[in-house]
Amino acid sequence: MSAITLRQCEEDPNRKDIFGILNKQLQPGNTVPVSQAATSFTQSVKKPDEKFFWGFWNDIFDVAQQIPYSNLAQDKLVQFVRELTLVPETGDKVWEARVWTDLPILGAAIREQLNQQVAEDAQISFHAFVARLLQAGISPGSETTAIWMLRDALEQNATSTGKGGDIDRTLKTAAVYIEYAGATLVQKLALQPEPQLDETQQRMLKGGEMWKGKSGLTVDRWKFWGKRFREQAENATGQETKDLALHAAKLIEVWTQTRLST
C-alpha cells in the first residue's frame, strides 16, 4: 500500500489533532496501535456535544472521500472509528446516545451527506466507507442506505437512470455495497429471508420502477440485483465500472448458491 496524501480538514479548535492523528494512522508504515490513537484523540476532546459530533463526522467523511475506494487505508479508517466505541464511557449523551460507545449522530450525518454534491470519485469512496462500517457492525442502520443505492442503480428504467456517466456513477456506488458489505447483507438474508417491516419501513425500502416485489431486503430482490448488475454492466461506459458490476453479480450468484440455498 502506497502512502496516502490527505488535505487537511477545516478544523474546529475542539476537534484539534484529528487530522494529524488520522494522517499518521492511515499510512502504511504506521506503528501506533489504533487503540492508542483513538484514546489519545478522545482525551483531547474538551466538549463532545452535538456541534462537535456534526463537525467530527464531516471531518471523517472528508478524509474517507480522499481515499480511493479499494485502498486499505479505508479499512484503517473504519478500524479507528470502531475503536472509538471501545474507549471508556464518559457518562455524557448526545441525542440519547452514549459518548463514545454509540457514536452519536453517525446515522444522521450519513443521511445528511447523501444530499451533498461531490465528485464521482469522492462519492464512491464515501459509499465504500459506509459499506465497510456496515460490514464491521458499526452502523447497522446503513443497510437502508445500501438498499437505496442498489435501488437507484438497478431498479430504475433507462430514462430514470440516465446515460453514460450517470449510469457509471450509480452502478459503482451500488457495487461497492456488495463488495464491502455484501457478506453482511447475505447473512441477514439467511437469518431473515422475509423481513417484517412496519408501514414506514415499507415506504422507505420500497422498490424502484422495475421492482414489483416486496419492500426491504428479500431473497428475490437480492437475486434480481444480481441479474441487473449483469445487464447494467453492458450499459456502462467505463471498463472499471463493468468489472465492478460483473464482480458484484458474481458475488451475489455465489453467495446465493452457498448461503441461501435450501
C-alpha atoms as a PDB file:
ATOM      1  CA  MET A   1       0.000   0.000   0.000  1.00  0.00           C
ATOM      2  CA  SER A   2       1.423   3.350  -1.026  1.00  0.00           C
ATOM      3  CA  ALA A   3       1.373   6.432   1.181  1.00  0.00           C
ATOM      4  CA  ILE A   4      -1.867   8.410   1.350  1.00  0.00           C
ATOM      5  CA  THR A   5      -1.780  12.142   0.727  1.00  0.00           C
ATOM      6  CA  LEU A   6      -4.566  13.928   2.573  1.00  0.00           C
ATOM      7  CA  ARG A   7      -5.520  17.563   2.543  1.00  0.00           C
ATOM      8  CA  GLN A   8      -6.218  19.000   5.952  1.00  0.00           C
ATOM      9  CA  CYS A   9      -9.834  19.247   7.017  1.00  0.00           C
ATOM     10  CA  GLU A  10     -11.202  22.546   8.221  1.00  0.00           C
ATOM     11  CA  GLU A  11     -10.877  22.051  11.954  1.00  0.00           C
ATOM     12  CA  ASP A  12     -12.708  23.402  14.942  1.00  0.00           C
ATOM     13  CA  PRO A  13     -10.422  24.022  17.955  1.00  0.00           C
ATOM     14  CA  ASN A  14     -12.470  21.424  19.830  1.00  0.00           C
ATOM     15  CA  ARG A  15     -11.531  18.839  17.191  1.00  0.00           C
ATOM     16  CA  LYS A  16      -7.831  19.602  17.165  1.00  0.00           C
ATOM     17  CA  ASP A  17      -5.467  16.791  16.332  1.00  0.00           C
ATOM     18  CA  ILE A  18      -7.990  14.715  14.330  1.00  0.00           C
ATOM     19  CA  PHE A  19      -6.272  15.366  11.007  1.00  0.00           C
ATOM     20  CA  GLY A  20      -2.802  14.791  12.426  1.00  0.00           C
ATOM     21  CA  ILE A  21      -3.858  11.557  14.107  1.00  0.00           C
ATOM     22  CA  LEU A  22      -5.603  10.200  11.023  1.00  0.00           C
ATOM     23  CA  ASN A  23      -2.868  11.317   8.642  1.00  0.00           C
ATOM     24  CA  LYS A  24      -0.403   9.227  10.646  1.00  0.00           C
ATOM     25  CA  GLN A  25      -2.753   6.351  11.414  1.00  0.00           C
ATOM     26  CA  LEU A  26      -3.702   5.704   7.803  1.00  0.00           C
ATOM     27  CA  GLN A  27      -0.170   5.500   6.439  1.00  0.00           C
ATOM     28  CA  PRO A  28       1.232   2.051   5.571  1.00  0.00           C
ATOM     29  CA  GLY A  29       4.269   2.457   7.834  1.00  0.00           C
ATOM     30  CA  ASN A  30       2.323   3.499  10.917  1.00  0.00           C
ATOM     31  CA  THR A  31       3.221   1.592  14.094  1.00  0.00           C
ATOM     32  CA  VAL A  32       0.933   3.331  16.598  1.00  0.00           C
ATOM     33  CA  PRO A  33      -1.793   0.916  17.784  1.00  0.00           C
ATOM     34  CA  VAL A  34      -5.239   2.058  16.702  1.00  0.00           C
ATOM     35  CA  SER A  35      -6.476   1.768  20.285  1.00  0.00           C
ATOM     36  CA  GLN A  36      -3.806   4.227  21.396  1.00  0.00           C
ATOM     37  CA  ALA A  37      -4.697   6.650  18.610  1.00  0.00           C
ATOM     38  CA  ALA A  38      -8.403   6.505  19.458  1.00  0.00           C
ATOM     39  CA  THR A  39      -7.792   7.019  23.161  1.00  0.00           C
ATOM     40  CA  SER A  40      -5.420   9.905  22.509  1.00  0.00           C
ATOM     41  CA  PHE A  41      -7.983  11.624  20.331  1.00  0.00           C
ATOM     42  CA  THR A  42     -10.941  11.219  22.683  1.00  0.00           C
ATOM     43  CA  GLN A  43      -8.883  12.557  25.572  1.00  0.00           C
ATOM     44  CA  SER A  44      -8.178  15.699  23.556  1.00  0.00           C
ATOM     45  CA  VAL A  45     -11.887  16.452  23.065  1.00  0.00           C
ATOM     46  CA  LYS A  46     -12.986  19.043  25.596  1.00  0.00           C
ATOM     47  CA  LYS A  47     -16.691  19.225  24.793  1.00  0.00           C
ATOM     48  CA  PRO A  48     -18.167  16.243  22.907  1.00  0.00           C
ATOM     49  CA  ASP A  49     -21.554  17.838  22.282  1.00  0.00           C
ATOM     50  CA  GLU A  50     -23.906  17.884  19.285  1.00  0.00           C
ATOM     51  CA  LYS A  51     -21.970  20.603  17.472  1.00  0.00           C
ATOM     52  CA  PHE A  52     -18.748  18.683  17.956  1.00  0.00           C
ATOM     53  CA  PHE A  53     -20.120  15.447  16.531  1.00  0.00           C
ATOM     54  CA  TRP A  54     -21.584  17.073  13.422  1.00  0.00           C
ATOM     55  CA  GLY A  55     -18.179  18.566  12.701  1.00  0.00           C
ATOM     56  CA  PHE A  56     -16.337  15.384  13.638  1.00  0.00           C
ATOM     57  CA  TRP A  57     -18.297  13.193  11.246  1.00  0.00           C
ATOM     58  CA  ASN A  58     -17.848  15.757   8.488  1.00  0.00           C
ATOM     59  CA  ASP A  59     -14.100  15.504   9.107  1.00  0.00           C
ATOM     60  CA  ILE A  60     -14.216  11.706   8.968  1.00  0.00           C
ATOM     61  CA  PHE A  61     -16.237  11.736   5.750  1.00  0.00           C
ATOM     62  CA  ASP A  62     -13.899  14.310   4.228  1.00  0.00           C
ATOM     63  CA  VAL A  63     -10.962  12.010   4.879  1.00  0.00           C
ATOM     64  CA  ALA A  64     -12.846   8.948   3.593  1.00  0.00           C
ATOM     65  CA  GLN A  65     -13.660  10.750   0.350  1.00  0.00           C
ATOM     66  CA  GLN A  66      -9.973  11.377  -0.268  1.00  0.00           C
ATOM     67  CA  ILE A  67      -9.069   7.678  -0.030  1.00  0.00           C
ATOM     68  CA  PRO A  68      -9.591   5.528  -3.150  1.00  0.00           C
ATOM     69  CA  TYR A  69     -12.421   3.074  -2.518  1.00  0.00           C
ATOM     70  CA  SER A  70     -10.196  -0.008  -2.803  1.00  0.00           C
ATOM     71  CA  ASN A  71      -7.310   1.339  -0.710  1.00  0.00           C
ATOM     72  CA  LEU A  72      -6.566  -0.415   2.587  1.00  0.00           C
ATOM     73  CA  ALA A  73      -6.472   2.977   4.280  1.00  0.00           C
ATOM     74  CA  GLN A  74     -10.269   2.833   4.151  1.00  0.00           C
ATOM     75  CA  ASP A  75     -10.131  -0.241   6.384  1.00  0.00           C
ATOM     76  CA  LYS A  76      -7.795   1.566   8.748  1.00  0.00           C
ATOM     77  CA  LEU A  77     -10.210   4.470   8.991  1.00  0.00           C
ATOM     78  CA  VAL A  78     -13.033   2.065   9.852  1.00  0.00           C
ATOM     79  CA  GLN A  79     -10.829   0.446  12.497  1.00  0.00           C
ATOM     80  CA  PHE A  80     -10.234   3.857  14.050  1.00  0.00           C
ATOM     81  CA  VAL A  81     -13.969   4.578  14.195  1.00  0.00           C
ATOM     82  CA  ARG A  82     -14.674   1.134  15.626  1.00  0.00           C
ATOM     83  CA  GLU A  83     -12.039   1.644  18.296  1.00  0.00           C
ATOM     84  CA  LEU A  84     -13.802   4.816  19.425  1.00  0.00           C
ATOM     85  CA  THR A  85     -16.718   2.653  20.581  1.00  0.00           C
ATOM     86  CA  LEU A  86     -14.377   0.822  22.953  1.00  0.00           C
ATOM     87  CA  VAL A  87     -12.919   3.753  24.873  1.00  0.00           C
ATOM     88  CA  PRO A  88     -14.243   4.227  28.427  1.00  0.00           C
ATOM     89  CA  GLU A  89     -17.649   5.865  28.582  1.00  0.00           C
ATOM     90  CA  THR A  90     -17.710   9.494  29.627  1.00  0.00           C
ATOM     91  CA  GLY A  91     -21.205   9.429  31.074  1.00  0.00           C
ATOM     92  CA  ASP A  92     -22.230  12.041  28.504  1.00  0.00           C
ATOM     93  CA  LYS A  93     -25.020  11.571  25.987  1.00  0.00           C
ATOM     94  CA  VAL A  94     -25.869  13.306  22.723  1.00  0.00           C
ATOM     95  CA  TRP A  95     -29.310  12.635  21.254  1.00  0.00           C
ATOM     96  CA  GLU A  96     -29.691   9.947  23.946  1.00  0.00           C
ATOM     97  CA  ALA A  97     -26.647   8.158  22.504  1.00  0.00           C
ATOM     98  CA  ARG A  98     -23.675   7.378  24.735  1.00  0.00           C
ATOM     99  CA  VAL A  99     -20.364   9.128  24.107  1.00  0.00           C
ATOM    100  CA  TRP A 100     -18.387   7.362  22.593  1.00  0.00           C
ATOM    101  CA  THR A 101     -19.937   3.914  22.700  1.00  0.00           C
ATOM    102  CA  ASP A 102     -22.919   4.682  20.482  1.00  0.00           C
ATOM    103  CA  LEU A 103     -21.110   7.039  18.086  1.00  0.00           C
ATOM    104  CA  PRO A 104     -23.673   9.838  18.421  1.00  0.00           C
ATOM    105  CA  ILE A 105     -25.194  11.351  15.273  1.00  0.00           C
ATOM    106  CA  LEU A 106     -23.366   8.972  12.896  1.00  0.00           C
ATOM    107  CA  GLY A 107     -26.553   7.783  11.196  1.00  0.00           C
ATOM    108  CA  ALA A 108     -27.918  11.306  10.812  1.00  0.00           C
ATOM    109  CA  ALA A 109     -24.580  12.545   9.491  1.00  0.00           C
ATOM    110  CA  ILE A 110     -24.514   9.792   6.858  1.00  0.00           C
ATOM    111  CA  ARG A 111     -28.021  10.698   5.702  1.00  0.00           C
ATOM    112  CA  GLU A 112     -27.059  14.364   5.574  1.00  0.00           C
ATOM    113  CA  GLN A 113     -24.013  13.538   3.464  1.00  0.00           C
ATOM    114  CA  LEU A 114     -26.196  11.742   0.915  1.00  0.00           C
ATOM    115  CA  ASN A 115     -27.594  15.126  -0.077  1.00  0.00           C
ATOM    116  CA  GLN A 116     -24.187  16.654  -0.810  1.00  0.00           C
ATOM    117  CA  GLN A 117     -22.984  17.084  -4.382  1.00  0.00           C
ATOM    118  CA  VAL A 118     -19.436  15.765  -4.699  1.00  0.00           C
ATOM    119  CA  ALA A 119     -17.167  14.476  -7.449  1.00  0.00           C
ATOM    120  CA  GLU A 120     -17.702  10.897  -8.594  1.00  0.00           C
ATOM    121  CA  ASP A 121     -14.520   9.526  -7.027  1.00  0.00           C
ATOM    122  CA  ALA A 122     -15.384  11.154  -3.693  1.00  0.00           C
ATOM    123  CA  GLN A 123     -18.903   9.741  -3.830  1.00  0.00           C
ATOM    124  CA  ILE A 124     -17.705   6.194  -4.500  1.00  0.00           C
ATOM    125  CA  SER A 125     -15.129   6.449  -1.715  1.00  0.00           C
ATOM    126  CA  PHE A 126     -17.730   7.735   0.741  1.00  0.00           C
ATOM    127  CA  HIS A 127     -20.106   4.873  -0.006  1.00  0.00           C
ATOM    128  CA  ALA A 128     -17.295   2.315   0.166  1.00  0.00           C
ATOM    129  CA  PHE A 129     -16.532   3.675   3.638  1.00  0.00           C
ATOM    130  CA  VAL A 130     -20.190   3.452   4.708  1.00  0.00           C
ATOM    131  CA  ALA A 131     -20.336  -0.109   3.365  1.00  0.00           C
ATOM    132  CA  ARG A 132     -17.289  -1.024   5.410  1.00  0.00           C
ATOM    133  CA  LEU A 133     -18.904   0.494   8.510  1.00  0.00           C
ATOM    134  CA  LEU A 134     -21.926  -1.725   7.896  1.00  0.00           C
ATOM    135  CA  GLN A 135     -19.725  -4.775   7.409  1.00  0.00           C
ATOM    136  CA  ALA A 136     -17.868  -4.003  10.649  1.00  0.00           C
ATOM    137  CA  GLY A 137     -21.110  -3.847  12.620  1.00  0.00           C
ATOM    138  CA  ILE A 138     -20.574  -0.177  13.417  1.00  0.00           C
ATOM    139  CA  SER A 139     -23.515   1.304  11.537  1.00  0.00           C
ATOM    140  CA  PRO A 140     -26.291  -1.293  11.101  1.00  0.00           C
ATOM    141  CA  GLY A 141     -28.694   1.447  10.041  1.00  0.00           C
ATOM    142  CA  SER A 142     -26.638   1.815   6.874  1.00  0.00           C
ATOM    143  CA  GLU A 143     -28.450  -1.221   5.481  1.00  0.00           C
ATOM    144  CA  THR A 144     -31.115   1.294   4.489  1.00  0.00           C
ATOM    145  CA  THR A 145     -28.537   3.372   2.615  1.00  0.00           C
ATOM    146  CA  ALA A 146     -27.309   0.246   0.828  1.00  0.00           C
ATOM    147  CA  ILE A 147     -30.824  -0.617  -0.336  1.00  0.00           C
ATOM    148  CA  TRP A 148     -31.374   2.938  -1.554  1.00  0.00           C
ATOM    149  CA  MET A 149     -28.170   2.909  -3.610  1.00  0.00           C
ATOM    150  CA  LEU A 150     -28.902  -0.528  -5.070  1.00  0.00           C
ATOM    151  CA  ARG A 151     -32.417   0.626  -5.916  1.00  0.00           C
ATOM    152  CA  ASP A 152     -31.147   3.759  -7.664  1.00  0.00           C
ATOM    153  CA  ALA A 153     -28.710   1.816  -9.825  1.00  0.00           C
ATOM    154  CA  LEU A 154     -30.625  -1.375 -10.539  1.00  0.00           C
ATOM    155  CA  GLU A 155     -34.357  -0.805 -10.198  1.00  0.00           C
ATOM    156  CA  GLN A 156     -34.920   2.257 -12.373  1.00  0.00           C
ATOM    157  CA  ASN A 157     -35.678   2.215 -16.075  1.00  0.00           C
ATOM    158  CA  ALA A 158     -33.246   3.701 -18.585  1.00  0.00           C
ATOM    159  CA  THR A 159     -34.962   7.090 -18.604  1.00  0.00           C
ATOM    160  CA  SER A 160     -34.701   7.456 -14.827  1.00  0.00           C
ATOM    161  CA  THR A 161     -31.167   6.136 -14.582  1.00  0.00           C
ATOM    162  CA  GLY A 162     -29.732   8.331 -17.300  1.00  0.00           C
ATOM    163  CA  LYS A 163     -26.896   7.652 -19.704  1.00  0.00           C
ATOM    164  CA  GLY A 164     -23.164   7.209 -19.720  1.00  0.00           C
ATOM    165  CA  GLY A 165     -21.507   8.770 -16.715  1.00  0.00           C
ATOM    166  CA  ASP A 166     -24.711   8.771 -14.655  1.00  0.00           C
ATOM    167  CA  ILE A 167     -25.031   5.017 -15.067  1.00  0.00           C
ATOM    168  CA  ASP A 168     -21.373   4.517 -14.218  1.00  0.00           C
ATOM    169  CA  ARG A 169     -21.648   6.607 -11.066  1.00  0.00           C
ATOM    170  CA  THR A 170     -24.763   4.900  -9.723  1.00  0.00           C
ATOM    171  CA  LEU A 171     -23.536   1.442 -10.723  1.00  0.00           C
ATOM    172  CA  LYS A 172     -20.183   1.880  -8.993  1.00  0.00           C
ATOM    173  CA  THR A 173     -21.935   3.190  -5.906  1.00  0.00           C
ATOM    174  CA  ALA A 174     -24.194   0.138  -5.769  1.00  0.00           C
ATOM    175  CA  ALA A 175     -21.349  -2.270  -6.473  1.00  0.00           C
ATOM    176  CA  VAL A 176     -19.230  -1.150  -3.523  1.00  0.00           C
ATOM    177  CA  TYR A 177     -22.055  -2.099  -1.162  1.00  0.00           C
ATOM    178  CA  ILE A 178     -21.916  -5.666  -2.469  1.00  0.00           C
ATOM    179  CA  GLU A 179     -18.113  -5.666  -2.479  1.00  0.00           C
ATOM    180  CA  TYR A 180     -17.655  -4.347   1.053  1.00  0.00           C
ATOM    181  CA  ALA A 181     -20.931  -5.148   2.845  1.00  0.00           C
ATOM    182  CA  GLY A 182     -22.405  -7.968   0.785  1.00  0.00           C
ATOM    183  CA  ALA A 183     -21.368 -10.636   3.283  1.00  0.00           C
ATOM    184  CA  THR A 184     -23.356  -8.849   5.990  1.00  0.00           C
ATOM    185  CA  LEU A 185     -26.374  -8.398   3.723  1.00  0.00           C
ATOM    186  CA  VAL A 186     -26.467 -12.060   2.709  1.00  0.00           C
ATOM    187  CA  GLN A 187     -26.052 -13.145   6.330  1.00  0.00           C
ATOM    188  CA  LYS A 188     -29.085 -11.013   7.187  1.00  0.00           C
ATOM    189  CA  LEU A 189     -30.979 -12.705   4.353  1.00  0.00           C
ATOM    190  CA  ALA A 190     -30.019 -16.162   5.583  1.00  0.00           C
ATOM    191  CA  LEU A 191     -31.328 -15.347   9.057  1.00  0.00           C
ATOM    192  CA  GLN A 192     -34.383 -13.382   7.936  1.00  0.00           C
ATOM    193  CA  PRO A 193     -35.344 -14.072   4.304  1.00  0.00           C
ATOM    194  CA  GLU A 194     -38.700 -12.294   4.705  1.00  0.00           C
ATOM    195  CA  PRO A 195     -38.247  -9.160   6.858  1.00  0.00           C
ATOM    196  CA  GLN A 196     -41.107  -7.890   8.997  1.00  0.00           C
ATOM    197  CA  LEU A 197     -41.500  -4.195   8.188  1.00  0.00           C
ATOM    198  CA  ASP A 198     -43.883  -1.602   9.543  1.00  0.00           C
ATOM    199  CA  GLU A 199     -45.611   0.847   7.201  1.00  0.00           C
ATOM    200  CA  THR A 200     -42.877   3.462   7.492  1.00  0.00           C
ATOM    201  CA  GLN A 201     -40.150   0.924   6.718  1.00  0.00           C
ATOM    202  CA  GLN A 202     -42.118  -0.423   3.777  1.00  0.00           C
ATOM    203  CA  ARG A 203     -42.305   3.056   2.281  1.00  0.00           C
ATOM    204  CA  MET A 204     -38.626   3.790   2.914  1.00  0.00           C
ATOM    205  CA  LEU A 205     -37.421   0.492   1.473  1.00  0.00           C
ATOM    206  CA  LYS A 206     -39.850   0.100  -1.408  1.00  0.00           C
ATOM    207  CA  GLY A 207     -38.605  -0.863  -4.829  1.00  0.00           C
ATOM    208  CA  GLY A 208     -37.905   1.249  -7.860  1.00  0.00           C
ATOM    209  CA  GLU A 209     -39.934   1.213 -11.058  1.00  0.00           C
ATOM    210  CA  MET A 210     -38.598  -2.159 -12.184  1.00  0.00           C
ATOM    211  CA  TRP A 211     -39.025  -3.996  -8.882  1.00  0.00           C
ATOM    212  CA  LYS A 212     -42.578  -5.204  -8.257  1.00  0.00           C
ATOM    213  CA  GLY A 213     -41.824  -7.393  -5.262  1.00  0.00           C
ATOM    214  CA  LYS A 214     -41.805  -6.748  -1.531  1.00  0.00           C
ATOM    215  CA  SER A 215     -40.027  -3.890   0.208  1.00  0.00           C
ATOM    216  CA  GLY A 216     -36.815  -4.334   2.156  1.00  0.00           C
ATOM    217  CA  LEU A 217     -34.038  -6.881   1.813  1.00  0.00           C
ATOM    218  CA  THR A 218     -35.529 -10.083   0.419  1.00  0.00           C
ATOM    219  CA  VAL A 219     -34.059 -13.113  -1.339  1.00  0.00           C
ATOM    220  CA  ASP A 220     -35.979 -12.416  -4.545  1.00  0.00           C
ATOM    221  CA  ARG A 221     -34.797  -8.819  -4.596  1.00  0.00           C
ATOM    222  CA  TRP A 222     -31.225  -9.951  -3.925  1.00  0.00           C
ATOM    223  CA  LYS A 223     -31.357 -12.277  -6.937  1.00  0.00           C
ATOM    224  CA  PHE A 224     -32.906  -9.514  -9.034  1.00  0.00           C
ATOM    225  CA  TRP A 225     -29.972  -7.245  -8.162  1.00  0.00           C
ATOM    226  CA  GLY A 226     -27.552  -9.913  -9.367  1.00  0.00           C
ATOM    227  CA  LYS A 227     -29.371 -10.139 -12.693  1.00  0.00           C
ATOM    228  CA  ARG A 228     -29.488  -6.365 -13.055  1.00  0.00           C
ATOM    229  CA  PHE A 229     -25.792  -5.913 -12.301  1.00  0.00           C
ATOM    230  CA  ARG A 230     -25.030  -8.061 -15.358  1.00  0.00           C
ATOM    231  CA  GLU A 231     -27.480  -6.150 -17.517  1.00  0.00           C
ATOM    232  CA  GLN A 232     -26.266  -2.734 -16.415  1.00  0.00           C
ATOM    233  CA  ALA A 233     -22.643  -3.745 -16.916  1.00  0.00           C
ATOM    234  CA  GLU A 234     -23.435  -3.798 -20.634  1.00  0.00           C
ATOM    235  CA  ASN A 235     -24.611  -0.179 -20.443  1.00  0.00           C
ATOM    236  CA  ALA A 236     -21.609   1.132 -18.520  1.00  0.00           C
ATOM    237  CA  THR A 237     -19.101   3.243 -20.427  1.00  0.00           C
ATOM    238  CA  GLY A 238     -16.020   2.574 -18.300  1.00  0.00           C
ATOM    239  CA  GLN A 239     -14.202  -0.749 -18.004  1.00  0.00           C
ATOM    240  CA  GLU A 240     -13.720  -0.286 -14.264  1.00  0.00           C
ATOM    241  CA  THR A 241     -17.471   0.095 -13.843  1.00  0.00           C
ATOM    242  CA  LYS A 242     -18.148  -3.002 -15.951  1.00  0.00           C
ATOM    243  CA  ASP A 243     -15.675  -5.019 -13.893  1.00  0.00           C
ATOM    244  CA  LEU A 244     -17.139  -3.852 -10.586  1.00  0.00           C
ATOM    245  CA  ALA A 245     -20.683  -4.621 -11.707  1.00  0.00           C
ATOM    246  CA  LEU A 246     -19.818  -8.083 -13.003  1.00  0.00           C
ATOM    247  CA  HIS A 247     -17.867  -8.854  -9.845  1.00  0.00           C
ATOM    248  CA  ALA A 248     -20.843  -7.799  -7.722  1.00  0.00           C
ATOM    249  CA  ALA A 249     -23.099 -10.022  -9.838  1.00  0.00           C
ATOM    250  CA  LYS A 250     -20.763 -12.975  -9.340  1.00  0.00           C
ATOM    251  CA  LEU A 251     -20.621 -12.425  -5.581  1.00  0.00           C
ATOM    252  CA  ILE A 252     -24.414 -12.381  -5.413  1.00  0.00           C
ATOM    253  CA  GLU A 253     -24.590 -15.553  -7.514  1.00  0.00           C
ATOM    254  CA  VAL A 254     -22.053 -17.453  -5.411  1.00  0.00           C
ATOM    255  CA  TRP A 255     -23.435 -16.313  -2.063  1.00  0.00           C
ATOM    256  CA  THR A 256     -26.944 -17.248  -3.200  1.00  0.00           C
ATOM    257  CA  GLN A 257     -25.757 -20.755  -4.031  1.00  0.00           C
ATOM    258  CA  THR A 258     -23.633 -21.259  -0.925  1.00  0.00           C
ATOM    259  CA  ARG A 259     -25.532 -19.385   1.766  1.00  0.00           C
ATOM    260  CA  LEU A 260     -29.146 -19.110   0.667  1.00  0.00           C
ATOM    261  CA  SER A 261     -29.761 -22.488  -0.968  1.00  0.00           C
ATOM    262  CA  THR A 262     -32.237 -24.714   0.847  1.00  0.00           C
END
